[in-house]
């Protein structure tokens, strides 16, 4: 579970059992707006579920900042077991998604490059690393392989505004 608090009045609580992401608003002002609350004071805003068995949707999750500029912080979610539909390989390359903080709609999707590399095993909102005024996203790939290293791992930085790959770094050979 990850708590994100850009302001005291708006705090998100990300609850992520495997393959489901639920976003709850924790806000004392909800009572005055007529919202129903659970005993813990949480109000369920939306739920997004993974599309595949063993996808691991929500195994990694972080606040991404306001990528779509609607005034509500968005969420980056990893799903390292997302299959490659074209090959039907069960342990696929993985994926990462940016979800709208206000609706749960998918704003961005990135997929891994090779089966079983676990793309999306870790995700992070990393602020505006590209300098364009929109927050960017980092995605970890613990079993990434290149032509010279096997399972060295990698981190990829994606531009939040365009979704384009901005940078990547690969680890050394894993023995």
Protein backbone atom coordinates (compact mmCIF):
# COMPACT_ATOMS: atom_id res chain seq x y z
CA UNK A 1 0.00 0.00 0.00
CA UNK A 2 1.29 3.46 -0.91
CA UNK A 3 0.02 6.76 0.42
CA UNK A 4 0.38 9.86 -1.74
CA UNK A 5 -0.30 13.30 -0.35
CA UNK A 6 0.22 16.26 -2.73
CA UNK A 7 -1.90 18.32 -0.36
CA UNK A 8 -3.33 17.55 3.04
CA UNK A 9 -6.89 17.71 1.66
CA UNK A 10 -6.29 15.12 -1.07
CA UNK A 11 -4.51 11.90 -0.21
CA UNK A 12 -4.68 8.71 -2.21
CA UNK A 13 -4.38 5.26 -0.72
CA UNK A 14 -3.41 2.66 -3.34
CA UNK A 15 -4.55 -0.80 -2.35
CA UNK A 16 -3.11 -3.41 -4.67
CA UNK A 17 -3.71 -7.11 -4.22
CA UNK A 18 -2.36 -8.98 -7.23
CA UNK A 19 -4.21 -8.11 -10.47
CA UNK A 20 -6.46 -5.40 -8.95
CA UNK A 21 -5.83 -1.73 -8.28
CA UNK A 22 -8.33 0.11 -6.11
CA UNK A 23 -7.98 3.81 -5.42
CA UNK A 24 -9.57 5.29 -2.34
CA UNK A 25 -9.84 8.96 -1.38
CA UNK A 26 -8.92 9.69 2.20
CA UNK A 27 -10.44 13.06 2.95
CA UNK A 28 -12.26 14.40 5.99
CA UNK A 29 -14.15 16.79 3.71
CA UNK A 30 -15.90 13.83 2.05
CA UNK A 31 -18.43 13.69 4.86
CA UNK A 32 -19.45 17.28 4.19
CA UNK A 33 -19.86 16.42 0.47
CA UNK A 34 -22.25 13.57 1.31
CA UNK A 35 -19.86 10.75 0.39
CA UNK A 36 -20.32 7.41 2.04
CA UNK A 37 -17.26 6.21 3.88
CA UNK A 38 -16.01 2.95 5.21
CA UNK A 39 -15.12 2.62 8.88
CA UNK A 40 -11.52 3.56 7.99
CA UNK A 41 -12.60 6.82 6.37
CA UNK A 42 -11.79 5.64 2.84
CA UNK A 43 -14.05 6.28 -0.13
CA UNK A 44 -13.55 3.97 -3.11
CA UNK A 45 -13.09 6.10 -6.22
CA UNK A 46 -12.49 3.40 -8.82
CA UNK A 47 -11.15 -0.10 -9.39
CA UNK A 48 -9.09 -1.39 -12.33
CA UNK A 49 -8.33 -5.09 -12.75
CA UNK A 50 -5.69 -6.82 -14.81
CA UNK A 51 -6.72 -8.49 -18.04
CA UNK A 52 -4.77 -11.74 -17.74
CA UNK A 53 -4.25 -14.49 -15.19
CA UNK A 54 -0.81 -14.19 -13.54
CA UNK A 55 -0.32 -10.74 -15.06
CA UNK A 56 0.69 -9.31 -11.69
CA UNK A 57 -1.21 -6.09 -12.41
CA UNK A 58 -0.55 -3.79 -9.49
CA UNK A 59 2.46 -5.67 -8.11
CA UNK A 60 4.29 -2.34 -8.32
CA UNK A 61 2.54 1.02 -8.05
CA UNK A 62 3.51 4.65 -7.49
CA UNK A 63 2.17 8.16 -7.78
CA UNK A 64 3.12 9.50 -11.21
CA UNK A 65 2.22 13.16 -10.82
CA UNK A 66 -0.36 14.90 -13.00
CA UNK A 67 0.57 13.48 -16.41
CA UNK A 68 -2.69 14.40 -18.18
CA UNK A 69 -2.82 17.90 -16.62
CA UNK A 70 -6.35 17.54 -15.24
CA UNK A 71 -5.38 18.66 -11.74
CA UNK A 72 -5.48 15.15 -10.22
CA UNK A 73 -2.31 13.09 -9.66
CA UNK A 74 -2.12 10.00 -11.86
CA UNK A 75 -0.82 6.53 -10.99
CA UNK A 76 1.80 4.30 -12.62
CA UNK A 77 1.17 0.54 -12.31
CA UNK A 78 3.46 -2.37 -13.19
CA UNK A 79 2.33 -5.76 -14.47
CA UNK A 80 5.50 -7.83 -14.98
CA UNK A 81 3.68 -10.98 -16.08
CA UNK A 82 1.67 -9.40 -18.91
CA UNK A 83 1.75 -11.92 -21.78
CA UNK A 84 2.80 -11.33 -25.35
CA UNK A 85 -0.53 -11.87 -27.11
CA UNK A 86 1.11 -12.74 -30.45
CA UNK A 87 3.00 -15.72 -29.01
CA UNK A 88 0.62 -16.69 -26.18
CA UNK A 89 3.69 -17.16 -23.99
CA UNK A 90 2.38 -17.31 -20.41
CA UNK A 91 5.30 -15.50 -18.77
CA UNK A 92 5.35 -12.59 -21.19
CA UNK A 93 7.55 -9.51 -21.32
CA UNK A 94 5.45 -7.47 -18.87
CA UNK A 95 3.95 -4.00 -19.08
CA UNK A 96 3.51 -0.72 -17.26
CA UNK A 97 0.47 1.56 -17.35
CA UNK A 98 -0.33 5.12 -16.32
CA UNK A 99 -3.87 5.36 -14.98
CA UNK A 100 -5.84 8.58 -14.62
CA UNK A 101 -6.11 9.48 -10.95
CA UNK A 102 -9.61 10.81 -11.47
CA UNK A 103 -11.17 8.01 -13.56
CA UNK A 104 -8.80 5.02 -13.66
CA UNK A 105 -8.67 5.20 -17.48
CA UNK A 106 -5.43 4.02 -19.07
CA UNK A 107 -3.45 7.05 -20.24
CA UNK A 108 -0.21 5.32 -21.29
CA UNK A 109 0.92 1.73 -21.88
CA UNK A 110 4.47 0.48 -22.30
CA UNK A 111 5.39 -3.14 -23.00
CA UNK A 112 8.54 -5.13 -22.40
CA UNK A 113 10.77 -6.34 -25.17
CA UNK A 114 11.33 -10.05 -24.47
CA UNK A 115 9.40 -12.82 -22.72
CA UNK A 116 10.15 -13.37 -19.02
CA UNK A 117 12.13 -10.13 -18.54
CA UNK A 118 9.58 -8.83 -15.97
CA UNK A 119 9.16 -5.33 -17.43
CA UNK A 120 7.17 -3.36 -14.83
CA UNK A 121 8.39 -5.29 -11.78
CA UNK A 122 9.14 -1.84 -10.37
CA UNK A 123 7.71 1.51 -11.42
CA UNK A 124 8.20 5.06 -10.21
CA UNK A 125 6.93 8.52 -10.91
CA UNK A 126 10.15 10.51 -11.21
CA UNK A 127 9.08 14.12 -11.60
CA UNK A 128 9.87 16.11 -14.70
CA UNK A 129 13.18 14.54 -15.76
CA UNK A 130 12.83 15.69 -19.39
CA UNK A 131 12.19 19.38 -18.62
CA UNK A 132 8.92 19.68 -20.56
CA UNK A 133 6.73 20.48 -17.56
CA UNK A 134 5.01 17.06 -17.45
CA UNK A 135 6.03 14.32 -14.96
CA UNK A 136 7.91 11.32 -16.35
CA UNK A 137 7.92 7.63 -15.42
CA UNK A 138 10.69 5.09 -14.76
CA UNK A 139 10.13 1.35 -15.30
CA UNK A 140 12.37 -1.38 -13.89
CA UNK A 141 13.17 -4.55 -15.81
CA UNK A 142 15.09 -6.93 -13.50
CA UNK A 143 15.69 -9.67 -16.09
CA UNK A 144 16.50 -7.47 -19.09
CA UNK A 145 18.99 -9.01 -21.48
CA UNK A 146 21.08 -7.39 -24.18
CA UNK A 147 23.33 -8.93 -26.82
CA UNK A 148 26.27 -8.71 -24.40
CA UNK A 149 24.67 -9.25 -20.97
CA UNK A 150 22.19 -11.81 -19.75
CA UNK A 151 19.74 -10.83 -16.99
CA UNK A 152 21.69 -7.66 -16.21
CA UNK A 153 18.51 -5.70 -15.56
CA UNK A 154 17.51 -2.27 -16.82
CA UNK A 155 15.68 0.93 -16.01
CA UNK A 156 13.81 2.81 -18.73
CA UNK A 157 12.73 6.45 -18.47
CA UNK A 158 9.60 7.43 -20.40
CA UNK A 159 8.42 10.92 -21.29
CA UNK A 160 5.09 11.54 -19.57
CA UNK A 161 3.90 14.02 -22.20
CA UNK A 162 4.54 11.88 -25.29
CA UNK A 163 5.01 8.36 -23.92
CA UNK A 164 8.27 8.10 -25.87
CA UNK A 165 11.32 6.36 -24.43
CA UNK A 166 13.70 9.02 -23.16
CA UNK A 167 16.60 7.06 -21.70
CA UNK A 168 17.61 3.62 -20.52
CA UNK A 169 20.35 2.11 -18.40
CA UNK A 170 21.39 -1.54 -18.35
CA UNK A 171 23.08 -3.47 -15.57
CA UNK A 172 26.09 -5.77 -15.69
CA UNK A 173 26.05 -9.50 -16.35
CA UNK A 174 24.19 -11.52 -13.70
CA UNK A 175 25.97 -14.73 -12.77
